[in-house]
């Protein structure tokens, strides 16, 4: 294979040969993804890992496997003039929230390399060198001389996962918004409990009134009239249900966390993550509609964006109105 000579490959234990083939499959899948989608948008590992598993053909690839291979690749050499070292350093794992981990490629500053081009041969050679050095160093220790290769693989360090810049910036605002949401849910639960207590009290009062009525007066007509009056009294004291606007606002609050994660991804894909990014309201709502897991209409997406801008995280999302045109600015 391209990543190691035949002699090197046969000298290594089976577990290390699997690491070499896993890394080669990872680079091939990443190159195909960049060829079809470009490098501007972070790569969702939930999409990339199934492709790696198909090429590797050993088992299902896990996040732990990729973190091990990335650590070996990025620590194989400290020579900044080596183009493969510079390219390996540009690959970063970022947490976008809600269990979504993405692979980011930093802006290529080396004029000798094409942006987004993956030099698979050079990176595979660099990975092989790093793995061989780590394996030799580990085996040279007397305490590890007789240890199996599984122990070596298990103790390999993992590449770090950093929080996405846009998510890190908006996280304090989201925490405040989450607290507001919890307060709203608590007040709603207290209101329902109060309504239930009032309804039970009215029913008990009606039953006590019926029990105190003389037996001679409790004929069928009187009993029916009492039940009608008790029902009317209960309805009169019962609070009115939420109107349509309140129901729509409550539904929007429940979708805030999911939509905020999508907005962070859209902002990271369009901008650098360091400044402001603007969208048209209609285009943004359509992008949100196509990105969330649970179906949402364009109108509902617009309501969620307005709730975020007005109540939950006004420092993260801002609405700008120019005549009849509404724009959205994400900081």
C-alpha atoms as a PDB file:
ATOM      1  CA  UNK A   1       0.000   0.000   0.000  1.00  0.00           C
ATOM      2  CA  UNK A   2       0.956   3.660  -0.358  1.00  0.00           C
ATOM      3  CA  UNK A   3       1.268   4.289   3.390  1.00  0.00           C
ATOM      4  CA  UNK A   4       3.950   1.648   4.172  1.00  0.00           C
ATOM      5  CA  UNK A   5       6.317  -0.680   2.399  1.00  0.00           C
ATOM      6  CA  UNK A   6       5.498  -4.382   2.295  1.00  0.00           C
ATOM      7  CA  UNK A   7       8.351  -5.208   4.707  1.00  0.00           C
ATOM      8  CA  UNK A   8       7.272  -2.562   7.213  1.00  0.00           C
ATOM      9  CA  UNK A   9       3.661  -3.719   7.050  1.00  0.00           C
ATOM     10  CA  UNK A  10       4.453  -7.394   7.648  1.00  0.00           C
ATOM     11  CA  UNK A  11       6.747  -6.553  10.603  1.00  0.00           C
ATOM     12  CA  UNK A  12       3.984  -4.749  12.489  1.00  0.00           C
ATOM     13  CA  UNK A  13       1.394  -6.543  14.635  1.00  0.00           C
ATOM     14  CA  UNK A  14      -2.087  -7.006  13.243  1.00  0.00           C
ATOM     15  CA  UNK A  15      -3.503  -4.217  15.460  1.00  0.00           C
ATOM     16  CA  UNK A  16      -1.017  -1.658  14.105  1.00  0.00           C
ATOM     17  CA  UNK A  17      -1.651  -2.736  10.524  1.00  0.00           C
ATOM     18  CA  UNK A  18      -5.331  -2.024  11.186  1.00  0.00           C
ATOM     19  CA  UNK A  19      -4.406   1.488  12.330  1.00  0.00           C
ATOM     20  CA  UNK A  20      -2.463   2.076   9.109  1.00  0.00           C
ATOM     21  CA  UNK A  21      -5.354   0.929   6.929  1.00  0.00           C
ATOM     22  CA  UNK A  22      -7.820   2.933   9.047  1.00  0.00           C
ATOM     23  CA  UNK A  23      -5.797   6.107   8.511  1.00  0.00           C
ATOM     24  CA  UNK A  24      -5.577   5.485   4.763  1.00  0.00           C
ATOM     25  CA  UNK A  25      -9.362   4.941   4.611  1.00  0.00           C
ATOM     26  CA  UNK A  26      -9.893   8.141   6.593  1.00  0.00           C
ATOM     27  CA  UNK A  27      -7.838  10.223   4.149  1.00  0.00           C
ATOM     28  CA  UNK A  28      -9.547   8.685   1.121  1.00  0.00           C
ATOM     29  CA  UNK A  29     -13.021   9.403   2.524  1.00  0.00           C
ATOM     30  CA  UNK A  30     -12.009  12.944   3.458  1.00  0.00           C
ATOM     31  CA  UNK A  31     -10.597  13.613  -0.025  1.00  0.00           C
ATOM     32  CA  UNK A  32     -13.817  12.376  -1.652  1.00  0.00           C
ATOM     33  CA  UNK A  33     -15.919  14.525   0.674  1.00  0.00           C
ATOM     34  CA  UNK A  34     -13.883  17.659  -0.078  1.00  0.00           C
ATOM     35  CA  UNK A  35     -14.005  16.915  -3.804  1.00  0.00           C
ATOM     36  CA  UNK A  36     -17.823  16.838  -3.755  1.00  0.00           C
ATOM     37  CA  UNK A  37     -18.583  19.457  -1.074  1.00  0.00           C
ATOM     38  CA  UNK A  38     -15.572  21.753  -0.837  1.00  0.00           C
ATOM     39  CA  UNK A  39     -13.631  22.679   2.307  1.00  0.00           C
ATOM     40  CA  UNK A  40     -15.546  25.783   3.425  1.00  0.00           C
ATOM     41  CA  UNK A  41     -18.090  23.826   5.484  1.00  0.00           C
ATOM     42  CA  UNK A  42     -16.981  21.667   8.461  1.00  0.00           C
ATOM     43  CA  UNK A  43     -17.335  17.902   7.899  1.00  0.00           C
ATOM     44  CA  UNK A  44     -19.915  16.232  10.143  1.00  0.00           C
ATOM     45  CA  UNK A  45     -18.349  13.022  11.475  1.00  0.00           C
ATOM     46  CA  UNK A  46     -21.783  11.390  11.550  1.00  0.00           C
ATOM     47  CA  UNK A  47     -21.605  11.590   7.748  1.00  0.00           C
ATOM     48  CA  UNK A  48     -17.892  10.837   7.331  1.00  0.00           C
ATOM     49  CA  UNK A  49     -17.500   7.824   9.655  1.00  0.00           C
ATOM     50  CA  UNK A  50     -19.901   5.492   7.759  1.00  0.00           C
ATOM     51  CA  UNK A  51     -17.904   6.180   4.585  1.00  0.00           C
ATOM     52  CA  UNK A  52     -14.653   5.324   6.392  1.00  0.00           C
ATOM     53  CA  UNK A  53     -16.198   2.107   7.728  1.00  0.00           C
ATOM     54  CA  UNK A  54     -17.123   0.989   4.197  1.00  0.00           C
ATOM     55  CA  UNK A  55     -13.565   1.529   2.952  1.00  0.00           C
ATOM     56  CA  UNK A  56     -11.897   0.018   6.016  1.00  0.00           C
ATOM     57  CA  UNK A  57     -14.134  -3.087   6.074  1.00  0.00           C
ATOM     58  CA  UNK A  58     -13.068  -4.129   9.582  1.00  0.00           C
ATOM     59  CA  UNK A  59     -15.871  -2.845  11.793  1.00  0.00           C
ATOM     60  CA  UNK A  60     -17.845   0.332  12.444  1.00  0.00           C
ATOM     61  CA  UNK A  61     -15.480   3.275  12.909  1.00  0.00           C
ATOM     62  CA  UNK A  62     -15.903   5.188  16.178  1.00  0.00           C
ATOM     63  CA  UNK A  63     -14.958   8.720  17.190  1.00  0.00           C
ATOM     64  CA  UNK A  64     -12.325   7.187  19.482  1.00  0.00           C
ATOM     65  CA  UNK A  65     -10.598   5.614  16.462  1.00  0.00           C
ATOM     66  CA  UNK A  66     -10.378   8.918  14.581  1.00  0.00           C
ATOM     67  CA  UNK A  67      -9.071  10.782  17.626  1.00  0.00           C
ATOM     68  CA  UNK A  68      -6.261   8.232  18.019  1.00  0.00           C
ATOM     69  CA  UNK A  69      -5.220   8.443  14.367  1.00  0.00           C
ATOM     70  CA  UNK A  70      -5.342  12.254  14.342  1.00  0.00           C
ATOM     71  CA  UNK A  71      -3.148  12.453  17.448  1.00  0.00           C
ATOM     72  CA  UNK A  72      -0.513  10.179  15.890  1.00  0.00           C
ATOM     73  CA  UNK A  73      -0.635  12.151  12.634  1.00  0.00           C
ATOM     74  CA  UNK A  74      -0.323  15.559  14.295  1.00  0.00           C
ATOM     75  CA  UNK A  75       2.511  14.560  16.659  1.00  0.00           C
ATOM     76  CA  UNK A  76       4.574  12.558  14.156  1.00  0.00           C
ATOM     77  CA  UNK A  77       6.915  15.475  13.407  1.00  0.00           C
ATOM     78  CA  UNK A  78       7.493  19.019  14.617  1.00  0.00           C
ATOM     79  CA  UNK A  79       9.142  20.252  11.409  1.00  0.00           C
ATOM     80  CA  UNK A  80       6.955  23.190  10.264  1.00  0.00           C
ATOM     81  CA  UNK A  81       8.611  23.222   6.822  1.00  0.00           C
ATOM     82  CA  UNK A  82       7.254  19.787   5.999  1.00  0.00           C
ATOM     83  CA  UNK A  83       4.076  20.390   3.919  1.00  0.00           C
ATOM     84  CA  UNK A  84       2.470  17.221   5.305  1.00  0.00           C
ATOM     85  CA  UNK A  85       3.077  18.424   8.885  1.00  0.00           C
ATOM     86  CA  UNK A  86       1.497  21.788   8.061  1.00  0.00           C
ATOM     87  CA  UNK A  87      -1.510  20.113   6.467  1.00  0.00           C
ATOM     88  CA  UNK A  88      -1.985  17.715   9.400  1.00  0.00           C
ATOM     89  CA  UNK A  89      -1.904  20.640  11.830  1.00  0.00           C
ATOM     90  CA  UNK A  90      -4.776  22.275   9.916  1.00  0.00           C
ATOM     91  CA  UNK A  91      -7.184  19.420  10.762  1.00  0.00           C
ATOM     92  CA  UNK A  92      -9.152  20.135  13.944  1.00  0.00           C
ATOM     93  CA  UNK A  93     -12.058  18.438  15.723  1.00  0.00           C
ATOM     94  CA  UNK A  94     -14.749  20.857  16.921  1.00  0.00           C
ATOM     95  CA  UNK A  95     -17.837  20.370  19.074  1.00  0.00           C
ATOM     96  CA  UNK A  96     -20.929  22.012  17.557  1.00  0.00           C
ATOM     97  CA  UNK A  97     -23.286  20.967  20.358  1.00  0.00           C
ATOM     98  CA  UNK A  98     -26.131  18.442  20.532  1.00  0.00           C
ATOM     99  CA  UNK A  99     -23.701  15.561  19.980  1.00  0.00           C
ATOM    100  CA  UNK A 100     -22.414  16.931  16.662  1.00  0.00           C
ATOM    101  CA  UNK A 101     -18.626  16.689  16.198  1.00  0.00           C
ATOM    102  CA  UNK A 102     -17.139  18.136  13.005  1.00  0.00           C
ATOM    103  CA  UNK A 103     -13.732  18.048  11.337  1.00  0.00           C
ATOM    104  CA  UNK A 104     -12.522  21.514  10.372  1.00  0.00           C
ATOM    105  CA  UNK A 105      -9.722  22.447   7.997  1.00  0.00           C
ATOM    106  CA  UNK A 106      -8.023  25.725   8.851  1.00  0.00           C
ATOM    107  CA  UNK A 107      -7.213  28.242   6.132  1.00  0.00           C
ATOM    108  CA  UNK A 108      -4.125  27.038   4.264  1.00  0.00           C
ATOM    109  CA  UNK A 109      -1.285  29.553   4.668  1.00  0.00           C
ATOM    110  CA  UNK A 110       1.413  27.568   2.859  1.00  0.00           C
ATOM    111  CA  UNK A 111       1.592  28.909  -0.715  1.00  0.00           C
ATOM    112  CA  UNK A 112       3.103  25.607  -1.874  1.00  0.00           C
ATOM    113  CA  UNK A 113      -0.101  23.692  -1.100  1.00  0.00           C
ATOM    114  CA  UNK A 114      -3.469  23.957  -2.742  1.00  0.00           C
ATOM    115  CA  UNK A 115      -6.264  24.839  -0.339  1.00  0.00           C
ATOM    116  CA  UNK A 116      -8.402  21.776   0.353  1.00  0.00           C
ATOM    117  CA  UNK A 117      -6.045  19.352  -1.438  1.00  0.00           C
ATOM    118  CA  UNK A 118      -5.261  16.246   0.642  1.00  0.00           C
ATOM    119  CA  UNK A 119      -1.812  14.816  -0.103  1.00  0.00           C
ATOM    120  CA  UNK A 120      -2.689  11.237   0.863  1.00  0.00           C
ATOM    121  CA  UNK A 121       0.753   9.746   0.120  1.00  0.00           C
ATOM    122  CA  UNK A 122       2.621  12.327   2.212  1.00  0.00           C
ATOM    123  CA  UNK A 123       0.173  12.165   5.110  1.00  0.00           C
ATOM    124  CA  UNK A 124       0.140   8.348   5.119  1.00  0.00           C
ATOM    125  CA  UNK A 125       3.948   8.314   5.163  1.00  0.00           C
ATOM    126  CA  UNK A 126       3.938  10.827   8.032  1.00  0.00           C
ATOM    127  CA  UNK A 127       1.422   8.716   9.960  1.00  0.00           C
ATOM    128  CA  UNK A 128       3.468   5.539   9.428  1.00  0.00           C
ATOM    129  CA  UNK A 129       6.578   7.300  10.707  1.00  0.00           C
ATOM    130  CA  UNK A 130       4.781   8.554  13.808  1.00  0.00           C
ATOM    131  CA  UNK A 131       3.224   5.167  14.547  1.00  0.00           C
ATOM    132  CA  UNK A 132       6.549   3.342  14.170  1.00  0.00           C
ATOM    133  CA  UNK A 133       8.322   5.829  16.454  1.00  0.00           C
ATOM    134  CA  UNK A 134       5.630   5.570  19.115  1.00  0.00           C
ATOM    135  CA  UNK A 135       5.539   1.764  18.905  1.00  0.00           C
ATOM    136  CA  UNK A 136       9.349   1.444  19.122  1.00  0.00           C
ATOM    137  CA  UNK A 137       9.517   3.806  22.096  1.00  0.00           C
ATOM    138  CA  UNK A 138       6.747   1.931  23.901  1.00  0.00           C
ATOM    139  CA  UNK A 139       8.319  -1.496  23.273  1.00  0.00           C
ATOM    140  CA  UNK A 140      11.735  -0.312  24.492  1.00  0.00           C
ATOM    141  CA  UNK A 141      10.384  -0.008  28.024  1.00  0.00           C
ATOM    142  CA  UNK A 142      11.085  -3.199  30.049  1.00  0.00           C
ATOM    143  CA  UNK A 143       7.571  -3.092  31.506  1.00  0.00           C
ATOM    144  CA  UNK A 144       6.027  -3.197  28.008  1.00  0.00           C
ATOM    145  CA  UNK A 145       8.372  -5.630  26.279  1.00  0.00           C
ATOM    146  CA  UNK A 146       5.996  -8.566  26.697  1.00  0.00           C
ATOM    147  CA  UNK A 147       2.744  -6.576  26.548  1.00  0.00           C
ATOM    148  CA  UNK A 148       0.331  -7.278  23.674  1.00  0.00           C
ATOM    149  CA  UNK A 149      -0.311  -4.732  20.936  1.00  0.00           C
ATOM    150  CA  UNK A 150      -3.873  -4.232  22.217  1.00  0.00           C
ATOM    151  CA  UNK A 151      -2.431  -2.537  25.318  1.00  0.00           C
ATOM    152  CA  UNK A 152      -0.373  -0.219  23.127  1.00  0.00           C
ATOM    153  CA  UNK A 153      -3.411   0.832  21.083  1.00  0.00           C
ATOM    154  CA  UNK A 154      -5.543   1.329  24.210  1.00  0.00           C
ATOM    155  CA  UNK A 155      -3.026   3.724  25.802  1.00  0.00           C
ATOM    156  CA  UNK A 156      -2.591   5.953  22.738  1.00  0.00           C
ATOM    157  CA  UNK A 157      -3.544   9.593  23.468  1.00  0.00           C
ATOM    158  CA  UNK A 158      -6.542  11.168  21.749  1.00  0.00           C
ATOM    159  CA  UNK A 159      -6.695  14.313  19.636  1.00  0.00           C
ATOM    160  CA  UNK A 160      -8.490  17.122  21.503  1.00  0.00           C
ATOM    161  CA  UNK A 161     -11.993  18.332  20.667  1.00  0.00           C
ATOM    162  CA  UNK A 162     -12.419  22.097  20.954  1.00  0.00           C
ATOM    163  CA  UNK A 163     -15.689  23.964  21.228  1.00  0.00           C
ATOM    164  CA  UNK A 164     -16.751  25.691  17.997  1.00  0.00           C
ATOM    165  CA  UNK A 165     -15.980  29.428  18.152  1.00  0.00           C
ATOM    166  CA  UNK A 166     -19.551  30.504  17.431  1.00  0.00           C
ATOM    167  CA  UNK A 167     -20.969  28.012  19.963  1.00  0.00           C
ATOM    168  CA  UNK A 168     -18.474  29.114  22.633  1.00  0.00           C
ATOM    169  CA  UNK A 169     -19.455  32.747  22.063  1.00  0.00           C
ATOM    170  CA  UNK A 170     -23.186  32.142  22.316  1.00  0.00           C
ATOM    171  CA  UNK A 171     -23.105  29.521  25.116  1.00  0.00           C
ATOM    172  CA  UNK A 172     -23.491  32.076  27.987  1.00  0.00           C
ATOM    173  CA  UNK A 173     -26.474  33.582  26.166  1.00  0.00           C
ATOM    174  CA  UNK A 174     -27.959  30.129  25.659  1.00  0.00           C
ATOM    175  CA  UNK A 175     -27.597  29.371  29.353  1.00  0.00           C
ATOM    176  CA  UNK A 176     -29.564  32.515  30.186  1.00  0.00           C
ATOM    177  CA  UNK A 177     -32.164  31.588  27.597  1.00  0.00           C
ATOM    178  CA  UNK A 178     -32.368  28.058  28.989  1.00  0.00           C
ATOM    179  CA  UNK A 179     -32.956  29.489  32.466  1.00  0.00           C
ATOM    180  CA  UNK A 180     -35.762  31.660  31.092  1.00  0.00           C
ATOM    181  CA  UNK A 181     -37.246  28.619  29.393  1.00  0.00           C
ATOM    182  CA  UNK A 182     -37.112  26.615  32.632  1.00  0.00           C
ATOM    183  CA  UNK A 183     -38.765  29.491  34.501  1.00  0.00           C
ATOM    184  CA  UNK A 184     -41.554  29.575  31.914  1.00  0.00           C
ATOM    185  CA  UNK A 185     -42.089  25.817  32.221  1.00  0.00           C
ATOM    186  CA  UNK A 186     -42.117  26.059  36.028  1.00  0.00           C
ATOM    187  CA  UNK A 187     -44.677  28.871  36.018  1.00  0.00           C
ATOM    188  CA  UNK A 188     -46.851  26.897  33.585  1.00  0.00           C
ATOM    189  CA  UNK A 189     -46.731  23.823  35.838  1.00  0.00           C
ATOM    190  CA  UNK A 190     -47.626  25.926  38.882  1.00  0.00           C
ATOM    191  CA  UNK A 191     -50.550  27.473  37.012  1.00  0.00           C
ATOM    192  CA  UNK A 192     -51.870  24.037  36.038  1.00  0.00           C
ATOM    193  CA  UNK A 193     -51.558  22.832  39.643  1.00  0.00           C
ATOM    194  CA  UNK A 194     -53.468  25.898  40.840  1.00  0.00           C
ATOM    195  CA  UNK A 195     -56.212  25.289  38.270  1.00  0.00           C
ATOM    196  CA  UNK A 196     -56.523  21.657  39.372  1.00  0.00           C
ATOM    197  CA  UNK A 197     -56.779  22.678  43.036  1.00  0.00           C
ATOM    198  CA  UNK A 198     -59.526  25.211  42.258  1.00  0.00           C
ATOM    199  CA  UNK A 199     -61.461  22.677  40.203  1.00  0.00           C
ATOM    200  CA  UNK A 200     -61.237  20.079  42.994  1.00  0.00           C
ATOM    201  CA  UNK A 201     -62.395  22.653  45.544  1.00  0.00           C
ATOM    202  CA  UNK A 202     -65.421  23.553  43.409  1.00  0.00           C
ATOM    203  CA  UNK A 203     -66.347  19.895  43.002  1.00  0.00           C
ATOM    204  CA  UNK A 204     -66.036  19.324  46.759  1.00  0.00           C
ATOM    205  CA  UNK A 205     -68.210  22.371  47.469  1.00  0.00           C
ATOM    206  CA  UNK A 206     -70.854  21.079  45.064  1.00  0.00           C
ATOM    207  CA  UNK A 207     -70.837  17.657  46.727  1.00  0.00           C
ATOM    208  CA  UNK A 208     -71.150  19.200  50.198  1.00  0.00           C
ATOM    209  CA  UNK A 209     -74.094  21.298  49.029  1.00  0.00           C
ATOM    210  CA  UNK A 210     -75.865  18.234  47.672  1.00  0.00           C
ATOM    211  CA  UNK A 211     -75.258  16.310  50.912  1.00  0.00           C
ATOM    212  CA  UNK A 212     -76.779  19.109  53.021  1.00  0.00           C
ATOM    213  CA  UNK A 213     -79.956  19.280  50.933  1.00  0.00           C
ATOM    214  CA  UNK A 214     -82.925  17.632  52.707  1.00  0.00           C
ATOM    215  CA  UNK A 215     -83.792  14.237  51.322  1.00  0.00           C
ATOM    216  CA  UNK A 216     -87.305  15.370  50.509  1.00  0.00           C
ATOM    217  CA  UNK A 217     -85.999  18.036  48.120  1.00  0.00           C
ATOM    218  CA  UNK A 218     -83.503  15.844  46.274  1.00  0.00           C
ATOM    219  CA  UNK A 219     -85.692  14.775  43.412  1.00  0.00           C
ATOM    220  CA  UNK A 220     -84.411  14.172  39.922  1.00  0.00           C
ATOM    221  CA  UNK A 221     -85.129  17.668  38.639  1.00  0.00           C
ATOM    222  CA  UNK A 222     -83.327  19.349  41.525  1.00  0.00           C
ATOM    223  CA  UNK A 223     -80.319  17.053  41.226  1.00  0.00           C
ATOM    224  CA  UNK A 224     -80.058  17.762  37.490  1.00  0.00           C
ATOM    225  CA  UNK A 225     -80.323  21.511  38.100  1.00  0.00           C
ATOM    226  CA  UNK A 226     -77.620  21.350  40.769  1.00  0.00           C
ATOM    227  CA  UNK A 227     -75.272  19.529  38.420  1.00  0.00           C
ATOM    228  CA  UNK A 228     -75.870  22.093  35.673  1.00  0.00           C
ATOM    229  CA  UNK A 229     -75.255  24.989  38.068  1.00  0.00           C
ATOM    230  CA  UNK A 230     -72.106  23.358  39.456  1.00  0.00           C
ATOM    231  CA  UNK A 231     -70.759  22.832  35.942  1.00  0.00           C
ATOM    232  CA  UNK A 232     -71.513  26.449  34.996  1.00  0.00           C
ATOM    233  CA  UNK A 233     -69.798  27.650  38.166  1.00  0.00           C
ATOM    234  CA  UNK A 234     -66.711  25.563  37.436  1.00  0.00           C
ATOM    235  CA  UNK A 235     -66.548  26.871  33.873  1.00  0.00           C
ATOM    236  CA  UNK A 236     -66.953  30.454  35.074  1.00  0.00           C
ATOM    237  CA  UNK A 237     -63.981  30.190  37.435  1.00  0.00           C
ATOM    238  CA  UNK A 238     -61.796  28.146  35.074  1.00  0.00           C
ATOM    239  CA  UNK A 239     -59.028  30.212  33.427  1.00  0.00           C
ATOM    240  CA  UNK A 240     -59.181  30.747  29.708  1.00  0.00           C
ATOM    241  CA  UNK A 241     -56.844  28.571  27.634  1.00  0.00           C
ATOM    242  CA  UNK A 242     -53.906  30.012  25.727  1.00  0.00           C
ATOM    243  CA  UNK A 243     -54.718  31.813  22.519  1.00  0.00           C
ATOM    244  CA  UNK A 244     -53.132  31.030  19.140  1.00  0.00           C
ATOM    245  CA  UNK A 245     -50.280  33.510  19.592  1.00  0.00           C
ATOM    246  CA  UNK A 246     -49.345  32.064  22.993  1.00  0.00           C
ATOM    247  CA  UNK A 247     -49.411  28.531  21.621  1.00  0.00           C
ATOM    248  CA  UNK A 248     -47.120  29.494  18.725  1.00  0.00           C
ATOM    249  CA  UNK A 249     -44.695  31.207  21.126  1.00  0.00           C
ATOM    250  CA  UNK A 250     -44.581  28.145  23.391  1.00  0.00           C
ATOM    251  CA  UNK A 251     -43.900  25.898  20.395  1.00  0.00           C
ATOM    252  CA  UNK A 252     -41.100  28.227  19.246  1.00  0.00           C
ATOM    253  CA  UNK A 253     -39.473  28.160  22.696  1.00  0.00           C
ATOM    254  CA  UNK A 254     -39.268  24.368  22.541  1.00  0.00           C
ATOM    255  CA  UNK A 255     -37.350  24.552  19.209  1.00  0.00           C
ATOM    256  CA  UNK A 256     -34.875  27.261  20.324  1.00  0.00           C
ATOM    257  CA  UNK A 257     -31.985  24.980  21.302  1.00  0.00           C
ATOM    258  CA  UNK A 258     -32.147  22.970  18.069  1.00  0.00           C
ATOM    259  CA  UNK A 259     -32.343  26.058  15.837  1.00  0.00           C
ATOM    260  CA  UNK A 260     -29.469  27.819  17.651  1.00  0.00           C
ATOM    261  CA  UNK A 261     -27.176  24.901  16.803  1.00  0.00           C
ATOM    262  CA  UNK A 262     -28.164  25.170  13.136  1.00  0.00           C
ATOM    263  CA  UNK A 263     -27.548  28.936  13.148  1.00  0.00           C
ATOM    264  CA  UNK A 264     -24.061  28.349  14.561  1.00  0.00           C
ATOM    265  CA  UNK A 265     -23.281  25.905  11.750  1.00  0.00           C
ATOM    266  CA  UNK A 266     -24.619  28.252   9.079  1.00  0.00           C
ATOM    267  CA  UNK A 267     -22.581  31.145  10.484  1.00  0.00           C
ATOM    268  CA  UNK A 268     -19.424  29.010  10.619  1.00  0.00           C
ATOM    269  CA  UNK A 269     -19.944  27.844   7.042  1.00  0.00           C
ATOM    270  CA  UNK A 270     -20.514  31.330   5.625  1.00  0.00           C
ATOM    271  CA  UNK A 271     -18.025  33.366   7.609  1.00  0.00           C
ATOM    272  CA  UNK A 272     -14.812  33.061   9.590  1.00  0.00           C
ATOM    273  CA  UNK A 273     -16.543  32.636  12.947  1.00  0.00           C
ATOM    274  CA  UNK A 274     -14.906  35.839  14.260  1.00  0.00           C
ATOM    275  CA  UNK A 275     -17.274  38.531  13.018  1.00  0.00           C
ATOM    276  CA  UNK A 276     -20.859  39.069  12.020  1.00  0.00           C
ATOM    277  CA  UNK A 277     -22.662  37.147   9.320  1.00  0.00           C
ATOM    278  CA  UNK A 278     -25.889  38.376   7.717  1.00  0.00           C
ATOM    279  CA  UNK A 279     -28.715  36.449   6.059  1.00  0.00           C
ATOM    280  CA  UNK A 280     -32.050  37.274   4.516  1.00  0.00           C
ATOM    281  CA  UNK A 281     -34.888  36.097   6.750  1.00  0.00           C
ATOM    282  CA  UNK A 282     -36.533  33.997   4.009  1.00  0.00           C
ATOM    283  CA  UNK A 283     -33.269  32.331   2.942  1.00  0.00           C
ATOM    284  CA  UNK A 284     -32.254  31.675   6.548  1.00  0.00           C
ATOM    285  CA  UNK A 285     -35.610  30.086   7.415  1.00  0.00           C
ATOM    286  CA  UNK A 286     -35.378  27.818   4.364  1.00  0.00           C
ATOM    287  CA  UNK A 287     -31.838  26.788   5.400  1.00  0.00           C
ATOM    288  CA  UNK A 288     -33.059  26.023   8.930  1.00  0.00           C
ATOM    289  CA  UNK A 289     -35.973  24.031   7.499  1.00  0.00           C
ATOM    290  CA  UNK A 290     -33.569  21.815   5.574  1.00  0.00           C
ATOM    291  CA  UNK A 291     -31.112  21.335   8.461  1.00  0.00           C
ATOM    292  CA  UNK A 292     -33.177  20.383  11.536  1.00  0.00           C
ATOM    293  CA  UNK A 293     -33.892  16.772  12.403  1.00  0.00           C
ATOM    294  CA  UNK A 294     -37.592  17.261  13.119  1.00  0.00           C
ATOM    295  CA  UNK A 295     -39.662  18.833  10.342  1.00  0.00           C
ATOM    296  CA  UNK A 296     -40.421  22.536  10.656  1.00  0.00           C
ATOM    297  CA  UNK A 297     -42.228  24.979   8.385  1.00  0.00           C
ATOM    298  CA  UNK A 298     -40.641  28.187   7.109  1.00  0.00           C
ATOM    299  CA  UNK A 299     -43.151  30.238   9.128  1.00  0.00           C
ATOM    300  CA  UNK A 300     -42.367  28.326  12.329  1.00  0.00           C
ATOM    301  CA  UNK A 301     -38.623  28.703  11.704  1.00  0.00           C
ATOM    302  CA  UNK A 302     -39.168  32.455  11.395  1.00  0.00           C
ATOM    303  CA  UNK A 303     -41.024  32.526  14.724  1.00  0.00           C
ATOM    304  CA  UNK A 304     -38.180  30.648  16.419  1.00  0.00           C
ATOM    305  CA  UNK A 305     -35.590  33.088  15.016  1.00  0.00           C
ATOM    306  CA  UNK A 306     -37.679  36.032  16.282  1.00  0.00           C
ATOM    307  CA  UNK A 307     -37.985  34.484  19.746  1.00  0.00           C
ATOM    308  CA  UNK A 308     -34.199  33.991  19.870  1.00  0.00           C
ATOM    309  CA  UNK A 309     -33.577  37.588  18.789  1.00  0.00           C
ATOM    310  CA  UNK A 310     -36.218  39.157  21.080  1.00  0.00           C
ATOM    311  CA  UNK A 311     -36.109  36.994  24.212  1.00  0.00           C
ATOM    312  CA  UNK A 312     -33.550  34.190  24.434  1.00  0.00           C
ATOM    313  CA  UNK A 313     -30.248  35.426  22.953  1.00  0.00           C
ATOM    314  CA  UNK A 314     -30.517  38.995  21.581  1.00  0.00           C
ATOM    315  CA  UNK A 315     -26.719  39.300  21.670  1.00  0.00           C
ATOM    316  CA  UNK A 316     -26.343  36.358  19.277  1.00  0.00           C
ATOM    317  CA  UNK A 317     -29.141  37.025  16.781  1.00  0.00           C
ATOM    318  CA  UNK A 318     -30.361  40.464  15.717  1.00  0.00           C
ATOM    319  CA  UNK A 319     -33.157  41.379  13.320  1.00  0.00           C
ATOM    320  CA  UNK A 320     -32.615  44.320  10.961  1.00  0.00           C
ATOM    321  CA  UNK A 321     -35.656  45.741   9.163  1.00  0.00           C
ATOM    322  CA  UNK A 322     -35.374  47.936   6.078  1.00  0.00           C
ATOM    323  CA  UNK A 323     -38.834  48.717   4.816  1.00  0.00           C
ATOM    324  CA  UNK A 324     -40.529  45.403   4.113  1.00  0.00           C
ATOM    325  CA  UNK A 325     -37.211  43.503   4.007  1.00  0.00           C
ATOM    326  CA  UNK A 326     -36.084  41.703   7.177  1.00  0.00           C
ATOM    327  CA  UNK A 327     -32.466  40.636   7.624  1.00  0.00           C
ATOM    328  CA  UNK A 328     -30.824  38.523  10.308  1.00  0.00           C
ATOM    329  CA  UNK A 329     -27.359  39.279  11.720  1.00  0.00           C
ATOM    330  CA  UNK A 330     -25.581  36.495  13.649  1.00  0.00           C
ATOM    331  CA  UNK A 331     -22.693  37.616  15.839  1.00  0.00           C
END
